[in-house]
């Protein structure tokens, strides 16, 4: 057991990053599908994009908080600048997801 604990501490940041990344993906999918199966419709192009945007905001917010606390253990006092940088770096993922979902679901059905 001590050997496993030592390995964890050696690779703690990488292991925590993988765990948080998996949980972030889960948050994204759960929020998106809850929205699409309750209040929004996937066959409506606008509502699909709304679900994507809301789920992306939820997932990136979750990722920011958990990465700040558990992965990088940030002590940065300028949280606003850190949040803007974190979200800004992930805008490309939002745009890619919006395009891919539009292309495959709206355009190709």
PDB file of N, CA and C in Angstrom:
ATOM      1  N   UNK A   1       0.822  -1.193   0.000  1.00  0.00           N
ATOM      2  CA  UNK A   1       0.000   0.000   0.000  1.00  0.00           C
ATOM      3  C   UNK A   1       0.868   1.260   0.000  1.00  0.00           C
ATOM      4  N   UNK A   2       1.963   1.213   0.721  1.00  0.00           N
ATOM      5  CA  UNK A   2       2.873   2.354   0.774  1.00  0.00           C
ATOM      6  C   UNK A   2       3.453   2.645  -0.608  1.00  0.00           C
ATOM      7  N   UNK A   3       3.702   1.604  -1.381  1.00  0.00           N
ATOM      8  CA  UNK A   3       4.254   1.769  -2.726  1.00  0.00           C
ATOM      9  C   UNK A   3       3.262   2.525  -3.630  1.00  0.00           C
ATOM     10  N   UNK A   4       1.986   2.176  -3.512  1.00  0.00           N
ATOM     11  CA  UNK A   4       0.951   2.854  -4.296  1.00  0.00           C
ATOM     12  C   UNK A   4       0.853   4.316  -3.881  1.00  0.00           C
ATOM     13  N   UNK A   5       0.894   4.567  -2.580  1.00  0.00           N
ATOM     14  CA  UNK A   5       0.817   5.928  -2.055  1.00  0.00           C
ATOM     15  C   UNK A   5       2.006   6.763  -2.547  1.00  0.00           C
ATOM     16  N   UNK A   6       3.185   6.167  -2.562  1.00  0.00           N
ATOM     17  CA  UNK A   6       4.379   6.864  -3.060  1.00  0.00           C
ATOM     18  C   UNK A   6       4.258   7.176  -4.547  1.00  0.00           C
ATOM     19  N   UNK A   7       3.730   6.221  -5.321  1.00  0.00           N
ATOM     20  CA  UNK A   7       3.522   6.458  -6.750  1.00  0.00           C
ATOM     21  C   UNK A   7       2.509   7.578  -6.974  1.00  0.00           C
ATOM     22  N   UNK A   8       1.443   7.571  -6.174  1.00  0.00           N
ATOM     23  CA  UNK A   8       0.448   8.634  -6.282  1.00  0.00           C
ATOM     24  C   UNK A   8       1.093   9.997  -6.039  1.00  0.00           C
ATOM     25  N   UNK A   9       1.878  10.114  -4.982  1.00  0.00           N
ATOM     26  CA  UNK A   9       2.519  11.390  -4.669  1.00  0.00           C
ATOM     27  C   UNK A   9       3.516  11.800  -5.744  1.00  0.00           C
ATOM     28  N   UNK A  10       4.172  10.831  -6.335  1.00  0.00           N
ATOM     29  CA  UNK A  10       5.137  11.131  -7.399  1.00  0.00           C
ATOM     30  C   UNK A  10       4.430  11.715  -8.622  1.00  0.00           C
ATOM     31  N   UNK A  11       3.253  11.171  -8.946  1.00  0.00           N
ATOM     32  CA  UNK A  11       2.506  11.595 -10.136  1.00  0.00           C
ATOM     33  C   UNK A  11       1.174  12.256  -9.775  1.00  0.00           C
ATOM     34  N   UNK A  12       1.110  12.865  -8.604  1.00  0.00           N
ATOM     35  CA  UNK A  12      -0.139  13.407  -8.074  1.00  0.00           C
ATOM     36  C   UNK A  12      -0.827  14.379  -9.032  1.00  0.00           C
ATOM     37  N   UNK A  13      -0.090  15.324  -9.587  1.00  0.00           N
ATOM     38  CA  UNK A  13      -0.692  16.325 -10.463  1.00  0.00           C
ATOM     39  C   UNK A  13      -1.278  15.677 -11.721  1.00  0.00           C
ATOM     40  N   UNK A  14      -0.561  14.738 -12.306  1.00  0.00           N
ATOM     41  CA  UNK A  14      -1.031  14.057 -13.520  1.00  0.00           C
ATOM     42  C   UNK A  14      -2.272  13.216 -13.217  1.00  0.00           C
ATOM     43  N   UNK A  15      -2.226  12.455 -12.138  1.00  0.00           N
ATOM     44  CA  UNK A  15      -3.365  11.604 -11.759  1.00  0.00           C
ATOM     45  C   UNK A  15      -4.594  12.459 -11.468  1.00  0.00           C
ATOM     46  N   UNK A  16      -4.416  13.511 -10.692  1.00  0.00           N
ATOM     47  CA  UNK A  16      -5.545  14.386 -10.369  1.00  0.00           C
ATOM     48  C   UNK A  16      -6.093  15.069 -11.623  1.00  0.00           C
ATOM     49  N   UNK A  17      -5.210  15.442 -12.539  1.00  0.00           N
ATOM     50  CA  UNK A  17      -5.636  16.083 -13.786  1.00  0.00           C
ATOM     51  C   UNK A  17      -6.497  15.127 -14.613  1.00  0.00           C
ATOM     52  N   UNK A  18      -6.102  13.871 -14.686  1.00  0.00           N
ATOM     53  CA  UNK A  18      -6.874  12.864 -15.426  1.00  0.00           C
ATOM     54  C   UNK A  18      -8.239  12.642 -14.769  1.00  0.00           C
ATOM     55  N   UNK A  19      -8.259  12.548 -13.450  1.00  0.00           N
ATOM     56  CA  UNK A  19      -9.522  12.345 -12.723  1.00  0.00           C
ATOM     57  C   UNK A  19     -10.453  13.540 -12.934  1.00  0.00           C
ATOM     58  N   UNK A  20      -9.920  14.743 -12.767  1.00  0.00           N
ATOM     59  CA  UNK A  20     -10.727  15.954 -12.941  1.00  0.00           C
ATOM     60  C   UNK A  20     -11.206  16.067 -14.392  1.00  0.00           C
ATOM     61  N   UNK A  21     -10.359  15.712 -15.345  1.00  0.00           N
ATOM     62  CA  UNK A  21     -10.765  15.738 -16.754  1.00  0.00           C
ATOM     63  C   UNK A  21     -11.914  14.787 -17.032  1.00  0.00           C
ATOM     64  N   UNK A  22     -11.847  13.602 -16.468  1.00  0.00           N
ATOM     65  CA  UNK A  22     -12.943  12.638 -16.625  1.00  0.00           C
ATOM     66  C   UNK A  22     -14.232  13.141 -15.998  1.00  0.00           C
ATOM     67  N   UNK A  23     -14.117  13.708 -14.805  1.00  0.00           N
ATOM     68  CA  UNK A  23     -15.303  14.246 -14.137  1.00  0.00           C
ATOM     69  C   UNK A  23     -15.870  15.453 -14.894  1.00  0.00           C
ATOM     70  N   UNK A  24     -15.000  16.261 -15.481  1.00  0.00           N
ATOM     71  CA  UNK A  24     -15.440  17.407 -16.282  1.00  0.00           C
ATOM     72  C   UNK A  24     -16.231  16.936 -17.496  1.00  0.00           C
ATOM     73  N   UNK A  25     -15.745  15.888 -18.144  1.00  0.00           N
ATOM     74  CA  UNK A  25     -16.468  15.308 -19.277  1.00  0.00           C
ATOM     75  C   UNK A  25     -17.835  14.808 -18.831  1.00  0.00           C
ATOM     76  N   UNK A  26     -17.873  14.166 -17.684  1.00  0.00           N
ATOM     77  CA  UNK A  26     -19.134  13.662 -17.134  1.00  0.00           C
ATOM     78  C   UNK A  26     -20.111  14.816 -16.860  1.00  0.00           C
ATOM     79  N   UNK A  27     -19.612  15.902 -16.272  1.00  0.00           N
ATOM     80  CA  UNK A  27     -20.460  17.076 -16.010  1.00  0.00           C
ATOM     81  C   UNK A  27     -21.030  17.596 -17.324  1.00  0.00           C
ATOM     82  N   UNK A  28     -20.188  17.717 -18.334  1.00  0.00           N
ATOM     83  CA  UNK A  28     -20.622  18.218 -19.638  1.00  0.00           C
ATOM     84  C   UNK A  28     -21.734  17.343 -20.202  1.00  0.00           C
ATOM     85  N   UNK A  29     -21.527  16.038 -20.209  1.00  0.00           N
ATOM     86  CA  UNK A  29     -22.513  15.119 -20.789  1.00  0.00           C
ATOM     87  C   UNK A  29     -23.816  15.091 -19.992  1.00  0.00           C
ATOM     88  N   UNK A  30     -23.716  15.042 -18.673  1.00  0.00           N
ATOM     89  CA  UNK A  30     -24.920  14.980 -17.840  1.00  0.00           C
ATOM     90  C   UNK A  30     -25.763  16.241 -18.021  1.00  0.00           C
ATOM     91  N   UNK A  31     -25.130  17.406 -17.948  1.00  0.00           N
ATOM     92  CA  UNK A  31     -25.882  18.653 -18.099  1.00  0.00           C
ATOM     93  C   UNK A  31     -26.520  18.718 -19.485  1.00  0.00           C
ATOM     94  N   UNK A  32     -25.757  18.378 -20.515  1.00  0.00           N
ATOM     95  CA  UNK A  32     -26.278  18.443 -21.883  1.00  0.00           C
ATOM     96  C   UNK A  32     -27.468  17.504 -22.067  1.00  0.00           C
ATOM     97  N   UNK A  33     -27.332  16.256 -21.628  1.00  0.00           N
ATOM     98  CA  UNK A  33     -28.413  15.302 -21.842  1.00  0.00           C
ATOM     99  C   UNK A  33     -29.619  15.568 -20.952  1.00  0.00           C
ATOM    100  N   UNK A  34     -29.406  16.069 -19.760  1.00  0.00           N
ATOM    101  CA  UNK A  34     -30.545  16.452 -18.920  1.00  0.00           C
ATOM    102  C   UNK A  34     -31.323  17.568 -19.615  1.00  0.00           C
ATOM    103  N   UNK A  35     -30.613  18.544 -20.139  1.00  0.00           N
ATOM    104  CA  UNK A  35     -31.291  19.631 -20.859  1.00  0.00           C
ATOM    105  C   UNK A  35     -32.024  19.112 -22.093  1.00  0.00           C
ATOM    106  N   UNK A  36     -31.357  18.253 -22.864  1.00  0.00           N
ATOM    107  CA  UNK A  36     -31.941  17.774 -24.126  1.00  0.00           C
ATOM    108  C   UNK A  36     -33.089  16.786 -23.916  1.00  0.00           C
ATOM    109  N   UNK A  37     -33.130  16.127 -22.777  1.00  0.00           N
ATOM    110  CA  UNK A  37     -34.214  15.180 -22.523  1.00  0.00           C
ATOM    111  C   UNK A  37     -35.319  15.756 -21.643  1.00  0.00           C
ATOM    112  N   UNK A  38     -35.164  17.015 -21.218  1.00  0.00           N
ATOM    113  CA  UNK A  38     -36.199  17.613 -20.374  1.00  0.00           C
ATOM    114  C   UNK A  38     -36.775  18.882 -20.990  1.00  0.00           C
ATOM    115  N   UNK A  39     -35.979  19.928 -21.114  1.00  0.00           N
ATOM    116  CA  UNK A  39     -36.525  21.227 -21.522  1.00  0.00           C
ATOM    117  C   UNK A  39     -36.151  21.652 -22.937  1.00  0.00           C
ATOM    118  N   UNK A  40     -35.128  21.074 -23.512  1.00  0.00           N
ATOM    119  CA  UNK A  40     -34.700  21.452 -24.865  1.00  0.00           C
ATOM    120  C   UNK A  40     -34.807  20.255 -25.797  1.00  0.00           C
ATOM    121  N   UNK A  41     -34.845  20.532 -27.100  1.00  0.00           N
ATOM    122  CA  UNK A  41     -34.965  19.464 -28.090  1.00  0.00           C
ATOM    123  C   UNK A  41     -33.729  19.419 -28.977  1.00  0.00           C
ATOM    124  N   UNK A  42     -33.163  18.237 -29.121  1.00  0.00           N
ATOM    125  CA  UNK A  42     -31.960  18.072 -29.937  1.00  0.00           C
ATOM    126  C   UNK A  42     -32.240  18.288 -31.419  1.00  0.00           C
ATOM    127  N   UNK A  43     -33.481  18.079 -31.853  1.00  0.00           N
ATOM    128  CA  UNK A  43     -33.784  18.262 -33.267  1.00  0.00           C
ATOM    129  C   UNK A  43     -34.027  19.721 -33.640  1.00  0.00           C
ATOM    130  N   UNK A  44     -34.048  20.598 -32.654  1.00  0.00           N
ATOM    131  CA  UNK A  44     -34.131  22.032 -32.894  1.00  0.00           C
ATOM    132  C   UNK A  44     -32.713  22.587 -32.833  1.00  0.00           C
ATOM    133  N   UNK A  45     -32.216  23.096 -33.950  1.00  0.00           N
ATOM    134  CA  UNK A  45     -30.813  23.529 -34.040  1.00  0.00           C
ATOM    135  C   UNK A  45     -30.455  24.571 -32.985  1.00  0.00           C
ATOM    136  N   UNK A  46     -31.332  25.530 -32.762  1.00  0.00           N
ATOM    137  CA  UNK A  46     -31.057  26.575 -31.778  1.00  0.00           C
ATOM    138  C   UNK A  46     -30.997  26.001 -30.364  1.00  0.00           C
ATOM    139  N   UNK A  47     -31.959  25.165 -30.013  1.00  0.00           N
ATOM    140  CA  UNK A  47     -32.003  24.576 -28.669  1.00  0.00           C
ATOM    141  C   UNK A  47     -30.810  23.654 -28.437  1.00  0.00           C
ATOM    142  N   UNK A  48     -30.377  22.947 -29.467  1.00  0.00           N
ATOM    143  CA  UNK A  48     -29.182  22.109 -29.358  1.00  0.00           C
ATOM    144  C   UNK A  48     -27.962  22.964 -29.022  1.00  0.00           C
ATOM    145  N   UNK A  49     -27.819  24.088 -29.703  1.00  0.00           N
ATOM    146  CA  UNK A  49     -26.674  24.975 -29.436  1.00  0.00           C
ATOM    147  C   UNK A  49     -26.759  25.579 -28.027  1.00  0.00           C
ATOM    148  N   UNK A  50     -27.961  25.894 -27.580  1.00  0.00           N
ATOM    149  CA  UNK A  50     -28.147  26.407 -26.204  1.00  0.00           C
ATOM    150  C   UNK A  50     -27.698  25.359 -25.194  1.00  0.00           C
ATOM    151  N   UNK A  51     -28.093  24.105 -25.419  1.00  0.00           N
ATOM    152  CA  UNK A  51     -27.690  23.020 -24.518  1.00  0.00           C
ATOM    153  C   UNK A  51     -26.171  22.857 -24.505  1.00  0.00           C
ATOM    154  N   UNK A  52     -25.550  22.977 -25.658  1.00  0.00           N
ATOM    155  CA  UNK A  52     -24.093  22.862 -25.757  1.00  0.00           C
ATOM    156  C   UNK A  52     -23.420  23.977 -24.969  1.00  0.00           C
ATOM    157  N   UNK A  53     -23.901  25.189 -25.145  1.00  0.00           N
ATOM    158  CA  UNK A  53     -23.295  26.345 -24.458  1.00  0.00           C
ATOM    159  C   UNK A  53     -23.458  26.230 -22.946  1.00  0.00           C
ATOM    160  N   UNK A  54     -24.650  25.887 -22.495  1.00  0.00           N
ATOM    161  CA  UNK A  54     -24.892  25.753 -21.045  1.00  0.00           C
ATOM    162  C   UNK A  54     -24.037  24.633 -20.459  1.00  0.00           C
ATOM    163  N   UNK A  55     -23.981  23.492 -21.137  1.00  0.00           N
ATOM    164  CA  UNK A  55     -23.184  22.371 -20.615  1.00  0.00           C
ATOM    165  C   UNK A  55     -21.694  22.708 -20.624  1.00  0.00           C
ATOM    166  N   UNK A  56     -21.242  23.466 -21.629  1.00  0.00           N
ATOM    167  CA  UNK A  56     -19.835  23.883 -21.690  1.00  0.00           C
ATOM    168  C   UNK A  56     -19.515  24.810 -20.516  1.00  0.00           C
ATOM    169  N   UNK A  57     -20.388  25.770 -20.250  1.00  0.00           N
ATOM    170  CA  UNK A  57     -20.169  26.692 -19.123  1.00  0.00           C
ATOM    171  C   UNK A  57     -20.104  25.921 -17.810  1.00  0.00           C
ATOM    172  N   UNK A  58     -21.026  24.978 -17.619  1.00  0.00           N
ATOM    173  CA  UNK A  58     -21.034  24.174 -16.387  1.00  0.00           C
ATOM    174  C   UNK A  58     -19.752  23.355 -16.267  1.00  0.00           C
ATOM    175  N   UNK A  59     -19.345  22.720 -17.364  1.00  0.00           N
ATOM    176  CA  UNK A  59     -18.154  21.863 -17.334  1.00  0.00           C
ATOM    177  C   UNK A  59     -16.881  22.668 -17.120  1.00  0.00           C
ATOM    178  N   UNK A  60     -16.743  23.785 -17.803  1.00  0.00           N
ATOM    179  CA  UNK A  60     -15.523  24.585 -17.655  1.00  0.00           C
ATOM    180  C   UNK A  60     -15.471  25.238 -16.271  1.00  0.00           C
ATOM    181  N   UNK A  61     -16.618  25.632 -15.743  1.00  0.00           N
ATOM    182  CA  UNK A  61     -16.652  26.172 -14.373  1.00  0.00           C
ATOM    183  C   UNK A  61     -16.214  25.105 -13.376  1.00  0.00           C
ATOM    184  N   UNK A  62     -16.763  23.899 -13.533  1.00  0.00           N
ATOM    185  CA  UNK A  62     -16.369  22.778 -12.681  1.00  0.00           C
ATOM    186  C   UNK A  62     -14.869  22.511 -12.818  1.00  0.00           C
ATOM    187  N   UNK A  63     -14.382  22.496 -14.064  1.00  0.00           N
ATOM    188  CA  UNK A  63     -12.964  22.232 -14.313  1.00  0.00           C
ATOM    189  C   UNK A  63     -12.082  23.297 -13.673  1.00  0.00           C
ATOM    190  N   UNK A  64     -12.493  24.560 -13.779  1.00  0.00           N
ATOM    191  CA  UNK A  64     -11.687  25.628 -13.186  1.00  0.00           C
ATOM    192  C   UNK A  64     -11.554  25.435 -11.677  1.00  0.00           C
ATOM    193  N   UNK A  65     -12.673  25.255 -11.011  1.00  0.00           N
ATOM    194  CA  UNK A  65     -12.656  25.138  -9.551  1.00  0.00           C
ATOM    195  C   UNK A  65     -11.853  23.912  -9.116  1.00  0.00           C
ATOM    196  N   UNK A  66     -12.123  22.771  -9.723  1.00  0.00           N
ATOM    197  CA  UNK A  66     -11.442  21.546  -9.297  1.00  0.00           C
ATOM    198  C   UNK A  66      -9.960  21.552  -9.661  1.00  0.00           C
ATOM    199  N   UNK A  67      -9.617  22.090 -10.831  1.00  0.00           N
ATOM    200  CA  UNK A  67      -8.198  22.196 -11.181  1.00  0.00           C
ATOM    201  C   UNK A  67      -7.478  23.164 -10.248  1.00  0.00           C
ATOM    202  N   UNK A  68      -8.113  24.261  -9.935  1.00  0.00           N
ATOM    203  CA  UNK A  68      -7.499  25.254  -9.033  1.00  0.00           C
ATOM    204  C   UNK A  68      -7.221  24.644  -7.659  1.00  0.00           C
ATOM    205  N   UNK A  69      -8.176  23.879  -7.145  1.00  0.00           N
ATOM    206  CA  UNK A  69      -8.061  23.342  -5.792  1.00  0.00           C
ATOM    207  C   UNK A  69      -7.238  22.054  -5.743  1.00  0.00           C
ATOM    208  N   UNK A  70      -7.579  21.075  -6.598  1.00  0.00           N
ATOM    209  CA  UNK A  70      -7.012  19.741  -6.453  1.00  0.00           C
ATOM    210  C   UNK A  70      -5.806  19.444  -7.338  1.00  0.00           C
ATOM    211  N   UNK A  71      -5.733  20.076  -8.498  1.00  0.00           N
ATOM    212  CA  UNK A  71      -4.652  19.735  -9.420  1.00  0.00           C
ATOM    213  C   UNK A  71      -3.470  20.673  -9.242  1.00  0.00           C
ATOM    214  N   UNK A  72      -3.702  21.952  -9.457  1.00  0.00           N
ATOM    215  CA  UNK A  72      -2.593  22.912  -9.451  1.00  0.00           C
ATOM    216  C   UNK A  72      -2.408  23.611  -8.114  1.00  0.00           C
ATOM    217  N   UNK A  73      -3.400  23.484  -7.230  1.00  0.00           N
ATOM    218  CA  UNK A  73      -3.334  24.094  -5.893  1.00  0.00           C
ATOM    219  C   UNK A  73      -2.909  25.567  -5.980  1.00  0.00           C
ATOM    220  N   UNK A  74      -3.617  26.284  -6.839  1.00  0.00           N
ATOM    221  CA  UNK A  74      -3.280  27.672  -7.148  1.00  0.00           C
ATOM    222  C   UNK A  74      -3.453  28.576  -5.929  1.00  0.00           C
ATOM    223  N   UNK A  75      -2.498  29.447  -5.750  1.00  0.00           N
ATOM    224  CA  UNK A  75      -2.549  30.456  -4.695  1.00  0.00           C
ATOM    225  C   UNK A  75      -2.657  31.856  -5.297  1.00  0.00           C
ATOM    226  N   UNK A  76      -2.900  31.925  -6.594  1.00  0.00           N
ATOM    227  CA  UNK A  76      -2.983  33.194  -7.310  1.00  0.00           C
ATOM    228  C   UNK A  76      -4.082  34.068  -6.702  1.00  0.00           C
ATOM    229  N   UNK A  77      -3.745  35.270  -6.343  1.00  0.00           N
ATOM    230  CA  UNK A  77      -4.704  36.195  -5.731  1.00  0.00           C
ATOM    231  C   UNK A  77      -5.592  36.860  -6.781  1.00  0.00           C
ATOM    232  N   UNK A  78      -5.108  36.943  -8.026  1.00  0.00           N
ATOM    233  CA  UNK A  78      -5.869  37.580  -9.097  1.00  0.00           C
ATOM    234  C   UNK A  78      -6.758  36.537  -9.776  1.00  0.00           C
ATOM    235  N   UNK A  79      -7.838  36.193  -9.084  1.00  0.00           N
ATOM    236  CA  UNK A  79      -8.722  35.133  -9.560  1.00  0.00           C
ATOM    237  C   UNK A  79      -9.399  35.541 -10.865  1.00  0.00           C
ATOM    238  N   UNK A  80      -9.778  36.802 -11.002  1.00  0.00           N
ATOM    239  CA  UNK A  80     -10.451  37.252 -12.221  1.00  0.00           C
ATOM    240  C   UNK A  80      -9.590  36.986 -13.454  1.00  0.00           C
ATOM    241  N   UNK A  81      -8.324  37.366 -13.386  1.00  0.00           N
ATOM    242  CA  UNK A  81      -7.409  37.149 -14.515  1.00  0.00           C
ATOM    243  C   UNK A  81      -7.242  35.646 -14.781  1.00  0.00           C
ATOM    244  N   UNK A  82      -7.156  34.857 -13.721  1.00  0.00           N
ATOM    245  CA  UNK A  82      -7.004  33.417 -13.853  1.00  0.00           C
ATOM    246  C   UNK A  82      -8.249  32.789 -14.510  1.00  0.00           C
ATOM    247  N   UNK A  83      -9.433  33.224 -14.099  1.00  0.00           N
ATOM    248  CA  UNK A  83     -10.680  32.702 -14.673  1.00  0.00           C
ATOM    249  C   UNK A  83     -10.779  33.061 -16.153  1.00  0.00           C
ATOM    250  N   UNK A  84     -10.486  34.312 -16.485  1.00  0.00           N
ATOM    251  CA  UNK A  84     -10.556  34.752 -17.879  1.00  0.00           C
ATOM    252  C   UNK A  84      -9.574  33.955 -18.733  1.00  0.00           C
ATOM    253  N   UNK A  85      -8.371  33.738 -18.245  1.00  0.00           N
ATOM    254  CA  UNK A  85      -7.383  32.947 -18.984  1.00  0.00           C
ATOM    255  C   UNK A  85      -7.846  31.501 -19.149  1.00  0.00           C
ATOM    256  N   UNK A  86      -8.383  30.923 -18.092  1.00  0.00           N
ATOM    257  CA  UNK A  86      -8.829  29.533 -18.118  1.00  0.00           C
ATOM    258  C   UNK A  86      -9.963  29.354 -19.119  1.00  0.00           C
ATOM    259  N   UNK A  87     -10.982  30.213 -19.028  1.00  0.00           N
ATOM    260  CA  UNK A  87     -12.108  30.113 -19.959  1.00  0.00           C
ATOM    261  C   UNK A  87     -11.672  30.442 -21.379  1.00  0.00           C
ATOM    262  N   UNK A  88     -10.845  31.462 -21.524  1.00  0.00           N
ATOM    263  CA  UNK A  88     -10.374  31.865 -22.857  1.00  0.00           C
ATOM    264  C   UNK A  88      -9.624  30.757 -23.563  1.00  0.00           C
ATOM    265  N   UNK A  89      -8.844  30.003 -22.803  1.00  0.00           N
ATOM    266  CA  UNK A  89      -8.073  28.912 -23.393  1.00  0.00           C
ATOM    267  C   UNK A  89      -8.967  27.777 -23.857  1.00  0.00           C
ATOM    268  N   UNK A  90     -10.196  27.734 -23.377  1.00  0.00           N
ATOM    269  CA  UNK A  90     -11.105  26.634 -23.723  1.00  0.00           C
ATOM    270  C   UNK A  90     -12.216  27.019 -24.694  1.00  0.00           C
ATOM    271  N   UNK A  91     -12.219  28.248 -25.142  1.00  0.00           N
ATOM    272  CA  UNK A  91     -13.242  28.693 -26.093  1.00  0.00           C
ATOM    273  C   UNK A  91     -13.188  27.870 -27.382  1.00  0.00           C
ATOM    274  N   UNK A  92     -12.006  27.471 -27.801  1.00  0.00           N
ATOM    275  CA  UNK A  92     -11.878  26.660 -29.019  1.00  0.00           C
ATOM    276  C   UNK A  92     -12.649  25.346 -28.884  1.00  0.00           C
ATOM    277  N   UNK A  93     -12.678  24.765 -27.691  1.00  0.00           N
ATOM    278  CA  UNK A  93     -13.416  23.505 -27.505  1.00  0.00           C
ATOM    279  C   UNK A  93     -14.924  23.740 -27.660  1.00  0.00           C
ATOM    280  N   UNK A  94     -15.398  24.889 -27.198  1.00  0.00           N
ATOM    281  CA  UNK A  94     -16.810  25.222 -27.367  1.00  0.00           C
ATOM    282  C   UNK A  94     -17.145  25.362 -28.843  1.00  0.00           C
ATOM    283  N   UNK A  95     -16.335  26.111 -29.556  1.00  0.00           N
ATOM    284  CA  UNK A  95     -16.586  26.327 -30.983  1.00  0.00           C
ATOM    285  C   UNK A  95     -16.524  25.022 -31.765  1.00  0.00           C
ATOM    286  N   UNK A  96     -15.566  24.163 -31.432  1.00  0.00           N
ATOM    287  CA  UNK A  96     -15.471  22.868 -32.113  1.00  0.00           C
ATOM    288  C   UNK A  96     -16.706  22.016 -31.831  1.00  0.00           C
ATOM    289  N   UNK A  97     -17.125  21.949 -30.577  1.00  0.00           N
ATOM    290  CA  UNK A  97     -18.299  21.142 -30.236  1.00  0.00           C
ATOM    291  C   UNK A  97     -19.546  21.677 -30.920  1.00  0.00           C
ATOM    292  N   UNK A  98     -19.696  23.002 -30.942  1.00  0.00           N
ATOM    293  CA  UNK A  98     -20.858  23.592 -31.593  1.00  0.00           C
ATOM    294  C   UNK A  98     -20.876  23.251 -33.081  1.00  0.00           C
ATOM    295  N   UNK A  99     -19.733  23.344 -33.733  1.00  0.00           N
ATOM    296  CA  UNK A  99     -19.662  23.032 -35.158  1.00  0.00           C
ATOM    297  C   UNK A  99     -19.923  21.550 -35.419  1.00  0.00           C
ATOM    298  N   UNK A 100     -19.269  20.688 -34.648  1.00  0.00           N
ATOM    299  CA  UNK A 100     -19.416  19.238 -34.852  1.00  0.00           C
ATOM    300  C   UNK A 100     -20.869  18.805 -34.643  1.00  0.00           C
ATOM    301  N   UNK A 101     -21.502  19.296 -33.591  1.00  0.00           N
ATOM    302  CA  UNK A 101     -22.892  18.920 -33.326  1.00  0.00           C
ATOM    303  C   UNK A 101     -23.816  19.485 -34.403  1.00  0.00           C
ATOM    304  N   UNK A 102     -23.566  20.723 -34.830  1.00  0.00           N
ATOM    305  CA  UNK A 102     -24.365  21.297 -35.914  1.00  0.00           C
ATOM    306  C   UNK A 102     -24.198  20.467 -37.177  1.00  0.00           C
ATOM    307  N   UNK A 103     -22.972  20.124 -37.526  1.00  0.00           N
ATOM    308  CA  UNK A 103     -22.698  19.401 -38.757  1.00  0.00           C
ATOM    309  C   UNK A 103     -23.354  18.023 -38.759  1.00  0.00           C
ATOM    310  N   UNK A 104     -23.122  17.247 -37.692  1.00  0.00           N
ATOM    311  CA  UNK A 104     -23.609  15.868 -37.678  1.00  0.00           C
ATOM    312  C   UNK A 104     -25.096  15.745 -37.319  1.00  0.00           C
ATOM    313  N   UNK A 105     -25.584  16.583 -36.424  1.00  0.00           N
ATOM    314  CA  UNK A 105     -26.967  16.417 -35.986  1.00  0.00           C
ATOM    315  C   UNK A 105     -27.921  17.282 -36.799  1.00  0.00           C
ATOM    316  N   UNK A 106     -27.577  18.548 -36.991  1.00  0.00           N
ATOM    317  CA  UNK A 106     -28.496  19.435 -37.698  1.00  0.00           C
ATOM    318  C   UNK A 106     -28.391  19.253 -39.211  1.00  0.00           C
ATOM    319  N   UNK A 107     -27.197  19.271 -39.724  1.00  0.00           N
ATOM    320  CA  UNK A 107     -27.009  19.209 -41.170  1.00  0.00           C
ATOM    321  C   UNK A 107     -27.205  17.804 -41.727  1.00  0.00           C
ATOM    322  N   UNK A 108     -26.542  16.815 -41.144  1.00  0.00           N
ATOM    323  CA  UNK A 108     -26.621  15.453 -41.666  1.00  0.00           C
ATOM    324  C   UNK A 108     -27.746  14.612 -41.063  1.00  0.00           C
ATOM    325  N   UNK A 109     -28.379  15.140 -40.055  1.00  0.00           N
ATOM    326  CA  UNK A 109     -29.475  14.465 -39.343  1.00  0.00           C
ATOM    327  C   UNK A 109     -28.986  13.196 -38.676  1.00  0.00           C
TER     328      UNK A 109
END
